[in-house]
Amino acid sequence: MLQPRSDEPEGARPQACPTLSVVVVSEREADTLARALEALTPACRELGATALVVRAAGAPELAPEMRLDDVELLRAPAGLSTAELRSYGMARAAGDIVILVEDRQAIGRDWHDILLRRAGAMTGPRPDIS
C-alpha cells in the first residue's frame, strides 16, 4: 500500500494517500492482454490499486480459462475508437489518479516504481513484488 508522506510537522494530521486506478484498453487477442496483466496486476495488488480492462463488444473473445483475478472487466459498446475506450474506462475508474495503458504496450514490471518516484508519494524502501 502507498504510505503517506512523512514530511509534515510533528503532530500534524497526515493526509491520506491518493487512490490509484489502472485502466487497460484491450482491443487485441487474449494473449496480448494476458501479457499486459501479468506485468500490471502484481504491482496493482501491492499498491492497493484497482485494475480495469476495457474491451469493446466486437473485440476478440477472451478464453474462459483466462484468469482475470483482481481485475474488473468492462464491456464497452461496439464500434468505439481507442480514444473513446479510454474515456469509457476513465469515466468508470474510481481512483484519484488514473493511469491509462493499452494492452499492446510493453509494460515493464517496474512501472509502479517509476510512478512512485515521480509522484514522490512513498517514503522508505519500495515494495518488492518480483
Protein backbone atom coordinates (compact mmCIF):
# COMPACT_ATOMS: atom_id res chain seq x y z
CA MET A 1 0.00 0.00 0.00
CA LEU A 2 1.08 3.57 -0.59
CA GLN A 3 2.34 5.22 2.57
CA PRO A 4 1.52 8.82 3.46
CA ARG A 5 4.37 11.29 3.18
CA SER A 6 6.13 11.83 6.47
CA ASP A 7 7.38 15.39 5.87
CA GLU A 8 4.53 17.12 7.72
CA PRO A 9 5.38 18.86 11.00
CA GLU A 10 5.17 16.66 14.09
CA GLY A 11 1.62 16.48 15.40
CA ALA A 12 0.10 17.42 12.04
CA ARG A 13 -2.60 15.13 10.81
CA PRO A 14 -1.21 13.08 7.89
CA GLN A 15 -3.08 13.37 4.64
CA ALA A 16 -4.47 10.22 3.07
CA CYS A 17 -2.66 8.91 0.03
CA PRO A 18 -4.45 9.24 -3.28
CA THR A 19 -6.11 6.12 -4.63
CA LEU A 20 -4.94 4.63 -7.90
CA SER A 21 -6.81 3.04 -10.82
CA VAL A 22 -5.14 1.46 -13.84
CA VAL A 23 -7.30 1.33 -16.97
CA VAL A 24 -6.16 -1.12 -19.65
CA VAL A 25 -7.69 -0.59 -23.09
CA SER A 26 -7.80 -4.00 -24.76
CA GLU A 27 -8.63 -4.38 -28.44
CA ARG A 28 -6.40 -7.30 -29.35
CA GLU A 29 -6.11 -11.04 -28.83
CA ALA A 30 -6.31 -12.55 -25.36
CA ASP A 31 -2.60 -13.42 -25.22
CA THR A 32 -1.71 -9.73 -25.67
CA LEU A 33 -3.96 -8.81 -22.76
CA ALA A 34 -2.59 -11.67 -20.66
CA ARG A 35 0.98 -10.37 -21.06
CA ALA A 36 -0.08 -6.86 -20.06
CA LEU A 37 -1.94 -8.10 -16.98
CA GLU A 38 1.00 -10.29 -15.97
CA ALA A 39 3.10 -7.14 -15.71
CA LEU A 40 0.42 -4.94 -14.12
CA THR A 41 -1.54 -6.95 -11.59
CA PRO A 42 1.20 -7.82 -9.04
CA ALA A 43 2.02 -4.14 -8.56
CA CYS A 44 -1.66 -3.20 -8.51
CA ARG A 45 -2.18 -5.65 -5.65
CA GLU A 46 0.88 -4.31 -3.81
CA LEU A 47 -0.22 -0.68 -4.23
CA GLY A 48 -3.89 -1.31 -3.47
CA ALA A 49 -4.78 -0.08 -6.97
CA THR A 50 -7.84 -1.13 -8.90
CA ALA A 51 -7.29 -2.53 -12.38
CA LEU A 52 -9.96 -2.22 -15.05
CA VAL A 53 -9.85 -3.78 -18.51
CA VAL A 54 -11.99 -2.07 -21.14
CA ARG A 55 -12.89 -4.24 -24.15
CA ALA A 56 -15.26 -3.30 -26.93
CA ALA A 57 -18.09 -5.71 -27.64
CA GLY A 58 -16.55 -6.53 -31.04
CA ALA A 59 -13.07 -7.38 -29.71
CA PRO A 60 -11.88 -11.00 -29.93
CA GLU A 61 -13.43 -13.17 -27.23
CA LEU A 62 -11.39 -13.99 -24.15
CA ALA A 63 -10.82 -17.66 -23.43
CA PRO A 64 -12.93 -18.88 -20.49
CA GLU A 65 -9.78 -20.13 -18.76
CA MET A 66 -8.14 -16.71 -18.87
CA ARG A 67 -7.68 -15.55 -15.31
CA LEU A 68 -8.84 -12.04 -14.52
CA ASP A 69 -8.21 -12.16 -10.78
CA ASP A 70 -8.16 -8.72 -9.19
CA VAL A 71 -9.28 -7.16 -12.49
CA GLU A 72 -12.65 -5.68 -13.36
CA LEU A 73 -13.69 -6.40 -16.95
CA LEU A 74 -15.76 -3.65 -18.57
CA ARG A 75 -17.57 -4.42 -21.82
CA ALA A 76 -17.84 -1.23 -23.83
CA PRO A 77 -20.29 -0.76 -26.69
CA ALA A 78 -19.11 -1.97 -30.11
CA GLY A 79 -17.59 0.48 -32.54
CA LEU A 80 -15.81 2.76 -30.07
CA SER A 81 -12.44 4.18 -31.09
CA THR A 82 -9.38 3.72 -28.89
CA ALA A 83 -9.82 7.26 -27.55
CA GLU A 84 -13.48 6.53 -26.74
CA LEU A 85 -12.49 3.30 -24.97
CA ARG A 86 -10.03 5.28 -22.84
CA SER A 87 -12.77 7.76 -21.95
CA TYR A 88 -15.16 4.89 -21.18
CA GLY A 89 -12.65 3.43 -18.72
CA MET A 90 -11.74 6.76 -17.15
CA ALA A 91 -15.39 7.54 -16.53
CA ARG A 92 -15.71 4.29 -14.55
CA ALA A 93 -12.39 4.44 -12.67
CA ALA A 94 -12.70 5.39 -9.02
CA GLY A 95 -9.07 6.31 -8.31
CA ASP A 96 -7.85 9.81 -7.54
CA ILE A 97 -5.07 9.04 -10.02
CA VAL A 98 -5.90 7.14 -13.21
CA ILE A 99 -3.22 5.54 -15.35
CA LEU A 100 -4.16 4.68 -18.93
CA VAL A 101 -2.38 1.92 -20.82
CA GLU A 102 -3.15 -0.24 -23.82
CA ASP A 103 -2.67 -3.98 -23.83
CA ARG A 104 -0.32 -3.73 -26.82
CA GLN A 105 2.14 -1.51 -24.93
CA ALA A 106 5.30 -3.02 -23.48
CA ILE A 107 4.78 -2.64 -19.74
CA GLY A 108 7.82 -3.23 -17.57
CA ARG A 109 7.49 -4.82 -14.17
CA ASP A 110 9.00 -1.66 -12.67
CA TRP A 111 6.24 0.67 -13.90
CA HIS A 112 4.99 1.27 -10.36
CA ASP A 113 8.42 2.20 -9.06
CA ILE A 114 8.80 4.80 -11.79
CA LEU A 115 5.36 6.20 -10.95
CA LEU A 116 6.10 6.39 -7.25
CA ARG A 117 9.48 8.05 -7.74
CA ARG A 118 7.96 10.70 -9.99
CA ALA A 119 4.97 11.28 -7.74
CA GLY A 120 7.03 11.31 -4.55
CA ALA A 121 4.15 9.50 -2.87
CA MET A 122 6.13 6.99 -0.89
CA THR A 123 8.85 7.18 1.70
CA GLY A 124 11.19 4.39 2.69
CA PRO A 125 12.00 1.30 0.67
CA ARG A 126 9.99 0.47 -2.42
CA PRO A 127 7.79 -2.65 -2.27
CA ASP A 128 9.43 -5.74 -3.76
CA ILE A 129 6.92 -7.54 -5.97
CA SER A 130 9.29 -9.61 -8.09
